[in-house]
Amino acid sequence: MDSPRNALGNTVLVSFLFACVLCLCIWSVSLSNPLSFSFHRSQANMKKSKFPADELELALERVSTPNKTVIIAVVNQACVEQIAGAETTMLDLFLESFWLGEDTRPLLDHLLLVSVDQIANEMCIFKRLNCYKVETEGVDFGKEQIFMSRDFISMMWRRTLLLLDILKHGYNFIFTDVDVMWLRNPLSRLSIHNESVDLEMSTDHFNGDPRSEINTGFYYIRSNSKTVSLFDAWYGRKDNSTAKKEQDVFFELMDEGMLGRQGLHARFLDTAFFSGF
């Protein structure tokens, strides 16, 4: 009968021999199938490689509907901070309308809140919303912008540039000011699924034709070559439109027949359903 010491030695020896045979088998498979070794090595290299990410694309993809439509709103510090005597903030009122409106709660999943300063961005993140920050060197957009002031006009044009960029990324969008209350789901009234319509814009006074007094506080636009060209032309007039807000310049483009030349099909939203901007 073997002693316990011999039995232990035999067990160790068998384990060692088994490990050697296993290593030889693995080595043999690697040599006979070099593609397998190459595949695993390439996977490791891919994990180490890091390509620059387009932050806007990632933000848009996160909130997009299956047909690449997003809701865009722009905020600054003045929108997210409570002023003296106020019970709430403009941003909170805006978000509450999604909560209280008819069939509007699911739309929050598709809202991308664009902040133009650090305070607004921090508040967006704190509220666990979908956030994206726009960087603008040398300009402070955080304070309340007086209507038609130099900084106000500058912020409106910066917004237009961002929206042009979104179109170039291939995303349709509904743009909304944060002082617009979403009391009902507007999608059934918009031509989201009608690809023949390129642009739908709210109006202050609706009369059913292009002479309606447009309001860029709420509109839907489809991403295609025609709308990208329109926004390119719109933003291109920024430096030659002193003391004019971007909405005035858009109306000038309409007056000059820009929509017709581009072959754009535009609709103007009835104030019976879209009003109070």
C-alpha atoms as a PDB file:
ATOM      1  CA  MET A   1       0.000   0.000   0.000  1.00  0.00           C
ATOM      2  CA  ASP A   2       1.398   3.428  -1.044  1.00  0.00           C
ATOM      3  CA  SER A   3       2.261   5.855   1.689  1.00  0.00           C
ATOM      4  CA  PRO A   4       0.342   9.189   1.828  1.00  0.00           C
ATOM      5  CA  ARG A   5       3.535  10.961   0.736  1.00  0.00           C
ATOM      6  CA  ASN A   6       3.815   8.819  -2.448  1.00  0.00           C
ATOM      7  CA  ALA A   7       0.120   9.292  -3.226  1.00  0.00           C
ATOM      8  CA  LEU A   8       0.523  13.068  -2.951  1.00  0.00           C
ATOM      9  CA  GLY A   9       3.575  12.960  -5.200  1.00  0.00           C
ATOM     10  CA  ASN A  10       1.699  10.955  -7.835  1.00  0.00           C
ATOM     11  CA  THR A  11      -1.188  13.431  -7.781  1.00  0.00           C
ATOM     12  CA  VAL A  12       1.162  16.384  -8.315  1.00  0.00           C
ATOM     13  CA  LEU A  13       2.941  14.552 -11.148  1.00  0.00           C
ATOM     14  CA  VAL A  14      -0.325  13.703 -12.930  1.00  0.00           C
ATOM     15  CA  SER A  15      -1.555  17.314 -12.613  1.00  0.00           C
ATOM     16  CA  PHE A  16       1.722  18.617 -14.037  1.00  0.00           C
ATOM     17  CA  LEU A  17       1.616  16.203 -16.997  1.00  0.00           C
ATOM     18  CA  PHE A  18      -2.033  17.155 -17.710  1.00  0.00           C
ATOM     19  CA  ALA A  19      -1.152  20.868 -17.721  1.00  0.00           C
ATOM     20  CA  CYS A  20       1.714  20.242 -20.165  1.00  0.00           C
ATOM     21  CA  VAL A  21      -0.556  18.297 -22.537  1.00  0.00           C
ATOM     22  CA  LEU A  22      -3.193  21.071 -22.379  1.00  0.00           C
ATOM     23  CA  CYS A  23      -0.611  23.753 -23.223  1.00  0.00           C
ATOM     24  CA  LEU A  24       0.645  21.693 -26.182  1.00  0.00           C
ATOM     25  CA  CYS A  25      -2.911  21.322 -27.503  1.00  0.00           C
ATOM     26  CA  ILE A  26      -3.584  25.057 -27.290  1.00  0.00           C
ATOM     27  CA  TRP A  27      -0.247  25.844 -28.980  1.00  0.00           C
ATOM     28  CA  SER A  28      -0.997  23.335 -31.721  1.00  0.00           C
ATOM     29  CA  VAL A  29      -4.416  24.888 -32.421  1.00  0.00           C
ATOM     30  CA  SER A  30      -2.885  28.357 -32.608  1.00  0.00           C
ATOM     31  CA  LEU A  31      -0.265  27.177 -35.121  1.00  0.00           C
ATOM     32  CA  SER A  32      -2.752  25.286 -37.250  1.00  0.00           C
ATOM     33  CA  ASN A  33      -5.213  28.220 -37.263  1.00  0.00           C
ATOM     34  CA  PRO A  34      -3.227  31.490 -37.406  1.00  0.00           C
ATOM     35  CA  LEU A  35      -6.417  33.461 -38.183  1.00  0.00           C
ATOM     36  CA  SER A  36      -7.728  32.649 -34.734  1.00  0.00           C
ATOM     37  CA  PHE A  37      -4.632  34.092 -33.080  1.00  0.00           C
ATOM     38  CA  SER A  38      -4.701  37.083 -35.363  1.00  0.00           C
ATOM     39  CA  PHE A  39      -8.394  37.707 -34.593  1.00  0.00           C
ATOM     40  CA  HIS A  40      -7.847  37.760 -30.829  1.00  0.00           C
ATOM     41  CA  ARG A  41      -4.827  40.012 -31.207  1.00  0.00           C
ATOM     42  CA  SER A  42      -6.762  42.414 -33.445  1.00  0.00           C
ATOM     43  CA  GLN A  43      -9.577  42.515 -30.885  1.00  0.00           C
ATOM     44  CA  ALA A  44      -7.082  43.516 -28.215  1.00  0.00           C
ATOM     45  CA  ASN A  45      -5.684  46.235 -30.493  1.00  0.00           C
ATOM     46  CA  MET A  46      -9.205  47.543 -31.203  1.00  0.00           C
ATOM     47  CA  LYS A  47      -9.886  47.881 -27.506  1.00  0.00           C
ATOM     48  CA  LYS A  48      -6.727  49.967 -27.119  1.00  0.00           C
ATOM     49  CA  SER A  49      -7.589  52.218 -30.084  1.00  0.00           C
ATOM     50  CA  LYS A  50      -9.649  55.280 -29.223  1.00  0.00           C
ATOM     51  CA  PHE A  51     -11.179  57.380 -31.977  1.00  0.00           C
ATOM     52  CA  PRO A  52     -12.308  60.980 -31.406  1.00  0.00           C
ATOM     53  CA  ALA A  53     -16.041  61.080 -30.656  1.00  0.00           C
ATOM     54  CA  ASP A  54     -18.477  63.639 -32.028  1.00  0.00           C
ATOM     55  CA  GLU A  55     -20.234  64.702 -28.837  1.00  0.00           C
ATOM     56  CA  LEU A  56     -23.173  66.230 -30.683  1.00  0.00           C
ATOM     57  CA  GLU A  57     -23.765  63.035 -32.661  1.00  0.00           C
ATOM     58  CA  LEU A  58     -23.687  60.970 -29.473  1.00  0.00           C
ATOM     59  CA  ALA A  59     -26.146  63.327 -27.774  1.00  0.00           C
ATOM     60  CA  LEU A  60     -28.515  63.290 -30.751  1.00  0.00           C
ATOM     61  CA  GLU A  61     -28.362  59.520 -31.110  1.00  0.00           C
ATOM     62  CA  ARG A  62     -29.230  59.126 -27.429  1.00  0.00           C
ATOM     63  CA  VAL A  63     -32.548  61.023 -27.721  1.00  0.00           C
ATOM     64  CA  SER A  64     -33.529  60.280 -31.309  1.00  0.00           C
ATOM     65  CA  THR A  65     -36.731  58.563 -32.382  1.00  0.00           C
ATOM     66  CA  PRO A  66     -36.387  55.666 -34.864  1.00  0.00           C
ATOM     67  CA  ASN A  67     -36.860  58.107 -37.778  1.00  0.00           C
ATOM     68  CA  LYS A  68     -34.065  60.372 -36.459  1.00  0.00           C
ATOM     69  CA  THR A  69     -36.224  63.142 -35.004  1.00  0.00           C
ATOM     70  CA  VAL A  70     -35.286  65.027 -31.824  1.00  0.00           C
ATOM     71  CA  ILE A  71     -36.712  67.873 -29.754  1.00  0.00           C
ATOM     72  CA  ILE A  72     -34.296  70.757 -29.138  1.00  0.00           C
ATOM     73  CA  ALA A  73     -34.501  73.484 -26.494  1.00  0.00           C
ATOM     74  CA  VAL A  74     -31.780  75.987 -25.565  1.00  0.00           C
ATOM     75  CA  VAL A  75     -31.261  77.318 -22.025  1.00  0.00           C
ATOM     76  CA  ASN A  76     -28.936  79.685 -20.233  1.00  0.00           C
ATOM     77  CA  GLN A  77     -28.366  80.487 -16.553  1.00  0.00           C
ATOM     78  CA  ALA A  78     -31.256  82.931 -16.488  1.00  0.00           C
ATOM     79  CA  CYS A  79     -33.643  80.115 -17.479  1.00  0.00           C
ATOM     80  CA  VAL A  80     -32.545  77.695 -14.762  1.00  0.00           C
ATOM     81  CA  GLU A  81     -32.160  80.005 -11.747  1.00  0.00           C
ATOM     82  CA  GLN A  82     -35.046  81.297  -9.652  1.00  0.00           C
ATOM     83  CA  ILE A  83     -35.249  85.077  -9.578  1.00  0.00           C
ATOM     84  CA  ALA A  84     -36.373  87.101  -6.568  1.00  0.00           C
ATOM     85  CA  GLY A  85     -40.119  86.911  -6.051  1.00  0.00           C
ATOM     86  CA  ALA A  86     -40.614  83.987  -8.440  1.00  0.00           C
ATOM     87  CA  GLU A  87     -41.999  80.663  -7.249  1.00  0.00           C
ATOM     88  CA  THR A  88     -40.141  78.605  -9.831  1.00  0.00           C
ATOM     89  CA  THR A  89     -37.839  78.827 -12.872  1.00  0.00           C
ATOM     90  CA  MET A  90     -38.642  79.028 -16.549  1.00  0.00           C
ATOM     91  CA  LEU A  91     -37.027  75.633 -17.082  1.00  0.00           C
ATOM     92  CA  ASP A  92     -39.148  74.051 -14.333  1.00  0.00           C
ATOM     93  CA  LEU A  93     -42.343  75.430 -15.875  1.00  0.00           C
ATOM     94  CA  PHE A  94     -41.292  74.098 -19.264  1.00  0.00           C
ATOM     95  CA  LEU A  95     -40.604  70.623 -17.866  1.00  0.00           C
ATOM     96  CA  GLU A  96     -43.806  70.635 -15.815  1.00  0.00           C
ATOM     97  CA  SER A  97     -45.820  71.170 -19.000  1.00  0.00           C
ATOM     98  CA  PHE A  98     -44.480  67.848 -20.311  1.00  0.00           C
ATOM     99  CA  TRP A  99     -45.591  66.216 -17.056  1.00  0.00           C
ATOM    100  CA  LEU A 100     -49.093  67.718 -17.039  1.00  0.00           C
ATOM    101  CA  GLY A 101     -49.794  67.834 -20.776  1.00  0.00           C
ATOM    102  CA  GLU A 102     -51.851  65.319 -22.730  1.00  0.00           C
ATOM    103  CA  ASP A 103     -49.656  62.431 -23.906  1.00  0.00           C
ATOM    104  CA  THR A 104     -46.477  64.540 -23.529  1.00  0.00           C
ATOM    105  CA  ARG A 105     -44.539  62.669 -20.829  1.00  0.00           C
ATOM    106  CA  PRO A 106     -42.906  60.174 -23.250  1.00  0.00           C
ATOM    107  CA  LEU A 107     -41.604  63.094 -25.326  1.00  0.00           C
ATOM    108  CA  LEU A 108     -39.124  64.005 -22.584  1.00  0.00           C
ATOM    109  CA  ASP A 109     -37.073  60.975 -23.670  1.00  0.00           C
ATOM    110  CA  HIS A 110     -36.501  62.753 -26.990  1.00  0.00           C
ATOM    111  CA  LEU A 111     -35.726  66.206 -25.586  1.00  0.00           C
ATOM    112  CA  LEU A 112     -32.132  67.409 -25.851  1.00  0.00           C
ATOM    113  CA  LEU A 113     -31.543  70.388 -23.587  1.00  0.00           C
ATOM    114  CA  VAL A 114     -28.762  72.546 -25.009  1.00  0.00           C
ATOM    115  CA  SER A 115     -27.028  74.819 -22.496  1.00  0.00           C
ATOM    116  CA  VAL A 116     -24.998  77.857 -23.502  1.00  0.00           C
ATOM    117  CA  ASP A 117     -23.181  78.288 -20.167  1.00  0.00           C
ATOM    118  CA  GLN A 118     -21.780  76.153 -17.352  1.00  0.00           C
ATOM    119  CA  ILE A 119     -24.480  76.888 -14.742  1.00  0.00           C
ATOM    120  CA  ALA A 120     -27.262  75.846 -17.125  1.00  0.00           C
ATOM    121  CA  ASN A 121     -25.360  72.694 -18.046  1.00  0.00           C
ATOM    122  CA  GLU A 122     -24.834  71.738 -14.397  1.00  0.00           C
ATOM    123  CA  MET A 123     -28.542  72.208 -13.666  1.00  0.00           C
ATOM    124  CA  CYS A 124     -29.455  70.075 -16.676  1.00  0.00           C
ATOM    125  CA  ILE A 125     -27.200  67.273 -15.453  1.00  0.00           C
ATOM    126  CA  PHE A 126     -28.547  67.631 -11.892  1.00  0.00           C
ATOM    127  CA  LYS A 127     -32.092  67.135 -13.192  1.00  0.00           C
ATOM    128  CA  ARG A 128     -30.928  63.994 -15.048  1.00  0.00           C
ATOM    129  CA  LEU A 129     -32.033  65.315 -18.412  1.00  0.00           C
ATOM    130  CA  ASN A 130     -30.429  64.720 -21.796  1.00  0.00           C
ATOM    131  CA  CYS A 131     -27.848  67.497 -21.977  1.00  0.00           C
ATOM    132  CA  TYR A 132     -25.462  69.050 -24.476  1.00  0.00           C
ATOM    133  CA  LYS A 133     -23.315  72.122 -23.910  1.00  0.00           C
ATOM    134  CA  VAL A 134     -22.474  74.642 -26.627  1.00  0.00           C
ATOM    135  CA  GLU A 135     -19.086  76.308 -26.345  1.00  0.00           C
ATOM    136  CA  THR A 136     -18.798  79.961 -27.406  1.00  0.00           C
ATOM    137  CA  GLU A 137     -15.488  81.685 -26.749  1.00  0.00           C
ATOM    138  CA  GLY A 138     -15.448  85.240 -25.443  1.00  0.00           C
ATOM    139  CA  VAL A 139     -19.218  85.566 -24.893  1.00  0.00           C
ATOM    140  CA  ASP A 140     -21.179  85.300 -21.643  1.00  0.00           C
ATOM    141  CA  PHE A 141     -24.638  83.970 -22.453  1.00  0.00           C
ATOM    142  CA  GLY A 142     -25.412  83.113 -18.825  1.00  0.00           C
ATOM    143  CA  LYS A 143     -27.063  86.374 -17.774  1.00  0.00           C
ATOM    144  CA  GLU A 144     -30.560  87.366 -18.830  1.00  0.00           C
ATOM    145  CA  GLN A 145     -30.394  88.731 -22.361  1.00  0.00           C
ATOM    146  CA  ILE A 146     -32.329  91.954 -22.962  1.00  0.00           C
ATOM    147  CA  PHE A 147     -34.487  91.606 -26.073  1.00  0.00           C
ATOM    148  CA  MET A 148     -32.675  92.911 -29.184  1.00  0.00           C
ATOM    149  CA  SER A 149     -29.509  93.685 -27.243  1.00  0.00           C
ATOM    150  CA  ARG A 150     -26.195  92.848 -28.883  1.00  0.00           C
ATOM    151  CA  ASP A 151     -25.704  89.721 -26.758  1.00  0.00           C
ATOM    152  CA  PHE A 152     -29.302  88.626 -27.357  1.00  0.00           C
ATOM    153  CA  ILE A 153     -28.848  88.775 -31.124  1.00  0.00           C
ATOM    154  CA  SER A 154     -25.495  87.003 -30.835  1.00  0.00           C
ATOM    155  CA  MET A 155     -27.092  84.183 -28.830  1.00  0.00           C
ATOM    156  CA  MET A 156     -29.872  83.774 -31.415  1.00  0.00           C
ATOM    157  CA  TRP A 157     -27.325  83.424 -34.208  1.00  0.00           C
ATOM    158  CA  ARG A 158     -25.304  80.930 -32.169  1.00  0.00           C
ATOM    159  CA  ARG A 159     -28.491  78.930 -31.807  1.00  0.00           C
ATOM    160  CA  THR A 160     -29.048  79.036 -35.573  1.00  0.00           C
ATOM    161  CA  LEU A 161     -25.542  77.697 -36.170  1.00  0.00           C
ATOM    162  CA  LEU A 162     -26.182  74.803 -33.788  1.00  0.00           C
ATOM    163  CA  LEU A 163     -29.442  73.931 -35.547  1.00  0.00           C
ATOM    164  CA  LEU A 164     -27.644  73.982 -38.899  1.00  0.00           C
ATOM    165  CA  ASP A 165     -25.114  71.550 -37.454  1.00  0.00           C
ATOM    166  CA  ILE A 166     -27.926  69.241 -36.313  1.00  0.00           C
ATOM    167  CA  LEU A 167     -29.384  69.213 -39.829  1.00  0.00           C
ATOM    168  CA  LYS A 168     -25.954  68.405 -41.255  1.00  0.00           C
ATOM    169  CA  HIS A 169     -25.779  65.442 -38.862  1.00  0.00           C
ATOM    170  CA  GLY A 170     -28.894  64.089 -40.588  1.00  0.00           C
ATOM    171  CA  TYR A 171     -31.430  64.668 -37.800  1.00  0.00           C
ATOM    172  CA  ASN A 172     -34.893  66.175 -38.133  1.00  0.00           C
ATOM    173  CA  PHE A 173     -35.871  68.294 -35.179  1.00  0.00           C
ATOM    174  CA  ILE A 174     -38.645  70.152 -33.419  1.00  0.00           C
ATOM    175  CA  PHE A 175     -37.208  73.351 -32.032  1.00  0.00           C
ATOM    176  CA  THR A 176     -38.989  74.888 -29.049  1.00  0.00           C
ATOM    177  CA  ASP A 177     -38.284  77.888 -26.866  1.00  0.00           C
ATOM    178  CA  VAL A 178     -38.476  77.067 -23.157  1.00  0.00           C
ATOM    179  CA  ASP A 179     -41.297  79.569 -22.667  1.00  0.00           C
ATOM    180  CA  VAL A 180     -43.500  77.341 -24.843  1.00  0.00           C
ATOM    181  CA  MET A 181     -45.802  75.132 -22.765  1.00  0.00           C
ATOM    182  CA  TRP A 182     -46.358  71.638 -24.185  1.00  0.00           C
ATOM    183  CA  LEU A 183     -49.980  71.128 -23.120  1.00  0.00           C
ATOM    184  CA  ARG A 184     -50.686  68.481 -25.781  1.00  0.00           C
ATOM    185  CA  ASN A 185     -48.583  66.132 -27.867  1.00  0.00           C
ATOM    186  CA  PRO A 186     -48.084  68.071 -31.137  1.00  0.00           C
ATOM    187  CA  LEU A 187     -46.878  65.148 -33.251  1.00  0.00           C
ATOM    188  CA  SER A 188     -50.322  64.333 -34.628  1.00  0.00           C
ATOM    189  CA  ARG A 189     -50.530  67.904 -35.967  1.00  0.00           C
ATOM    190  CA  LEU A 190     -47.075  67.860 -37.536  1.00  0.00           C
ATOM    191  CA  SER A 191     -45.946  66.176 -40.745  1.00  0.00           C
ATOM    192  CA  ILE A 192     -43.380  63.944 -39.064  1.00  0.00           C
ATOM    193  CA  HIS A 193     -44.198  61.026 -41.354  1.00  0.00           C
ATOM    194  CA  ASN A 194     -44.947  63.055 -44.493  1.00  0.00           C
ATOM    195  CA  GLU A 195     -41.613  63.343 -46.273  1.00  0.00           C
ATOM    196  CA  SER A 196     -42.987  65.835 -48.799  1.00  0.00           C
ATOM    197  CA  VAL A 197     -43.105  68.520 -46.079  1.00  0.00           C
ATOM    198  CA  ASP A 198     -39.728  70.101 -45.285  1.00  0.00           C
ATOM    199  CA  LEU A 199     -40.642  72.792 -42.761  1.00  0.00           C
ATOM    200  CA  GLU A 200     -43.531  73.642 -40.447  1.00  0.00           C
ATOM    201  CA  MET A 201     -43.337  76.897 -38.512  1.00  0.00           C
ATOM    202  CA  SER A 202     -45.474  78.553 -35.867  1.00  0.00           C
ATOM    203  CA  THR A 203     -47.016  81.961 -36.508  1.00  0.00           C
ATOM    204  CA  ASP A 204     -48.179  84.913 -34.445  1.00  0.00           C
ATOM    205  CA  HIS A 205     -51.147  85.530 -36.754  1.00  0.00           C
ATOM    206  CA  PHE A 206     -52.234  82.689 -39.019  1.00  0.00           C
ATOM    207  CA  ASN A 207     -53.788  83.348 -42.416  1.00  0.00           C
ATOM    208  CA  GLY A 208     -52.781  80.120 -44.158  1.00  0.00           C
ATOM    209  CA  ASP A 209     -50.178  81.442 -46.591  1.00  0.00           C
ATOM    210  CA  PRO A 210     -46.480  82.428 -46.596  1.00  0.00           C
ATOM    211  CA  ARG A 211     -47.428  85.958 -45.596  1.00  0.00           C
ATOM    212  CA  SER A 212     -48.222  84.659 -42.102  1.00  0.00           C
ATOM    213  CA  GLU A 213     -46.190  86.374 -39.427  1.00  0.00           C
ATOM    214  CA  ILE A 214     -43.763  83.575 -38.595  1.00  0.00           C
ATOM    215  CA  ASN A 215     -42.413  82.830 -35.139  1.00  0.00           C
ATOM    216  CA  THR A 216     -39.222  80.809 -34.771  1.00  0.00           C
ATOM    217  CA  GLY A 217     -40.113  79.909 -31.165  1.00  0.00           C
ATOM    218  CA  PHE A 218     -41.545  76.593 -32.353  1.00  0.00           C
ATOM    219  CA  TYR A 219     -41.041  74.759 -35.632  1.00  0.00           C
ATOM    220  CA  TYR A 220     -40.384  71.365 -37.178  1.00  0.00           C
ATOM    221  CA  ILE A 221     -37.800  70.845 -39.920  1.00  0.00           C
ATOM    222  CA  ARG A 222     -36.711  67.788 -41.862  1.00  0.00           C
ATOM    223  CA  SER A 223     -33.028  67.187 -42.584  1.00  0.00           C
ATOM    224  CA  ASN A 224     -32.277  67.138 -46.313  1.00  0.00           C
ATOM    225  CA  SER A 225     -30.149  69.001 -48.827  1.00  0.00           C
ATOM    226  CA  LYS A 226     -32.808  71.712 -49.277  1.00  0.00           C
ATOM    227  CA  THR A 227     -33.124  72.557 -45.592  1.00  0.00           C
ATOM    228  CA  VAL A 228     -29.354  72.491 -45.082  1.00  0.00           C
ATOM    229  CA  SER A 229     -29.003  74.985 -47.957  1.00  0.00           C
ATOM    230  CA  LEU A 230     -31.717  77.149 -46.409  1.00  0.00           C
ATOM    231  CA  PHE A 231     -30.003  77.266 -43.020  1.00  0.00           C
ATOM    232  CA  ASP A 232     -26.629  77.853 -44.684  1.00  0.00           C
ATOM    233  CA  ALA A 233     -28.064  80.891 -46.470  1.00  0.00           C
ATOM    234  CA  TRP A 234     -29.806  82.025 -43.276  1.00  0.00           C
ATOM    235  CA  TYR A 235     -26.694  81.857 -41.120  1.00  0.00           C
ATOM    236  CA  GLY A 236     -24.604  83.311 -43.962  1.00  0.00           C
ATOM    237  CA  ARG A 237     -26.401  86.646 -43.539  1.00  0.00           C
ATOM    238  CA  LYS A 238     -25.422  86.998 -39.887  1.00  0.00           C
ATOM    239  CA  ASP A 239     -22.632  89.530 -40.452  1.00  0.00           C
ATOM    240  CA  ASN A 240     -24.686  91.617 -42.901  1.00  0.00           C
ATOM    241  CA  SER A 241     -27.765  91.900 -40.701  1.00  0.00           C
ATOM    242  CA  THR A 242     -26.724  94.354 -38.002  1.00  0.00           C
ATOM    243  CA  ALA A 243     -29.372  94.999 -35.334  1.00  0.00           C
ATOM    244  CA  LYS A 244     -31.651  92.318 -36.788  1.00  0.00           C
ATOM    245  CA  LYS A 245     -32.614  89.184 -34.959  1.00  0.00           C
ATOM    246  CA  GLU A 246     -32.415  85.912 -36.834  1.00  0.00           C
ATOM    247  CA  GLN A 247     -36.221  85.675 -37.180  1.00  0.00           C
ATOM    248  CA  ASP A 248     -36.308  88.964 -39.137  1.00  0.00           C
ATOM    249  CA  VAL A 249     -33.627  87.675 -41.494  1.00  0.00           C
ATOM    250  CA  PHE A 250     -35.554  84.445 -42.075  1.00  0.00           C
ATOM    251  CA  PHE A 251     -38.640  86.458 -43.006  1.00  0.00           C
ATOM    252  CA  GLU A 252     -36.503  88.420 -45.503  1.00  0.00           C
ATOM    253  CA  LEU A 253     -35.396  85.142 -47.092  1.00  0.00           C
ATOM    254  CA  MET A 254     -39.039  84.144 -47.442  1.00  0.00           C
ATOM    255  CA  ASP A 255     -39.903  87.508 -48.995  1.00  0.00           C
ATOM    256  CA  GLU A 256     -37.100  87.038 -51.534  1.00  0.00           C
ATOM    257  CA  GLY A 257     -38.531  83.676 -52.601  1.00  0.00           C
ATOM    258  CA  MET A 258     -35.817  81.541 -51.037  1.00  0.00           C
ATOM    259  CA  LEU A 259     -38.209  78.738 -50.129  1.00  0.00           C
ATOM    260  CA  GLY A 260     -39.502  78.477 -53.691  1.00  0.00           C
ATOM    261  CA  ARG A 261     -36.019  78.553 -55.248  1.00  0.00           C
ATOM    262  CA  GLN A 262     -34.904  75.730 -52.990  1.00  0.00           C
ATOM    263  CA  GLY A 263     -38.028  73.717 -53.814  1.00  0.00           C
ATOM    264  CA  LEU A 264     -38.988  73.670 -50.136  1.00  0.00           C
ATOM    265  CA  HIS A 265     -42.489  72.648 -49.121  1.00  0.00           C
ATOM    266  CA  ALA A 266     -43.332  74.735 -46.060  1.00  0.00           C
ATOM    267  CA  ARG A 267     -46.452  74.762 -43.894  1.00  0.00           C
ATOM    268  CA  PHE A 268     -47.478  77.364 -41.338  1.00  0.00           C
ATOM    269  CA  LEU A 269     -49.052  76.183 -38.120  1.00  0.00           C
ATOM    270  CA  ASP A 270     -52.567  77.292 -37.268  1.00  0.00           C
ATOM    271  CA  THR A 271     -52.770  79.344 -34.079  1.00  0.00           C
ATOM    272  CA  ALA A 272     -55.885  77.354 -33.194  1.00  0.00           C
ATOM    273  CA  PHE A 273     -53.496  74.553 -32.212  1.00  0.00           C
ATOM    274  CA  PHE A 274     -50.111  76.289 -31.833  1.00  0.00           C
ATOM    275  CA  SER A 275     -50.433  79.663 -30.150  1.00  0.00           C
ATOM    276  CA  GLY A 276     -49.317  81.941 -27.382  1.00  0.00           C
ATOM    277  CA  PHE A 277     -45.643  82.253 -28.264  1.00  0.00           C
END
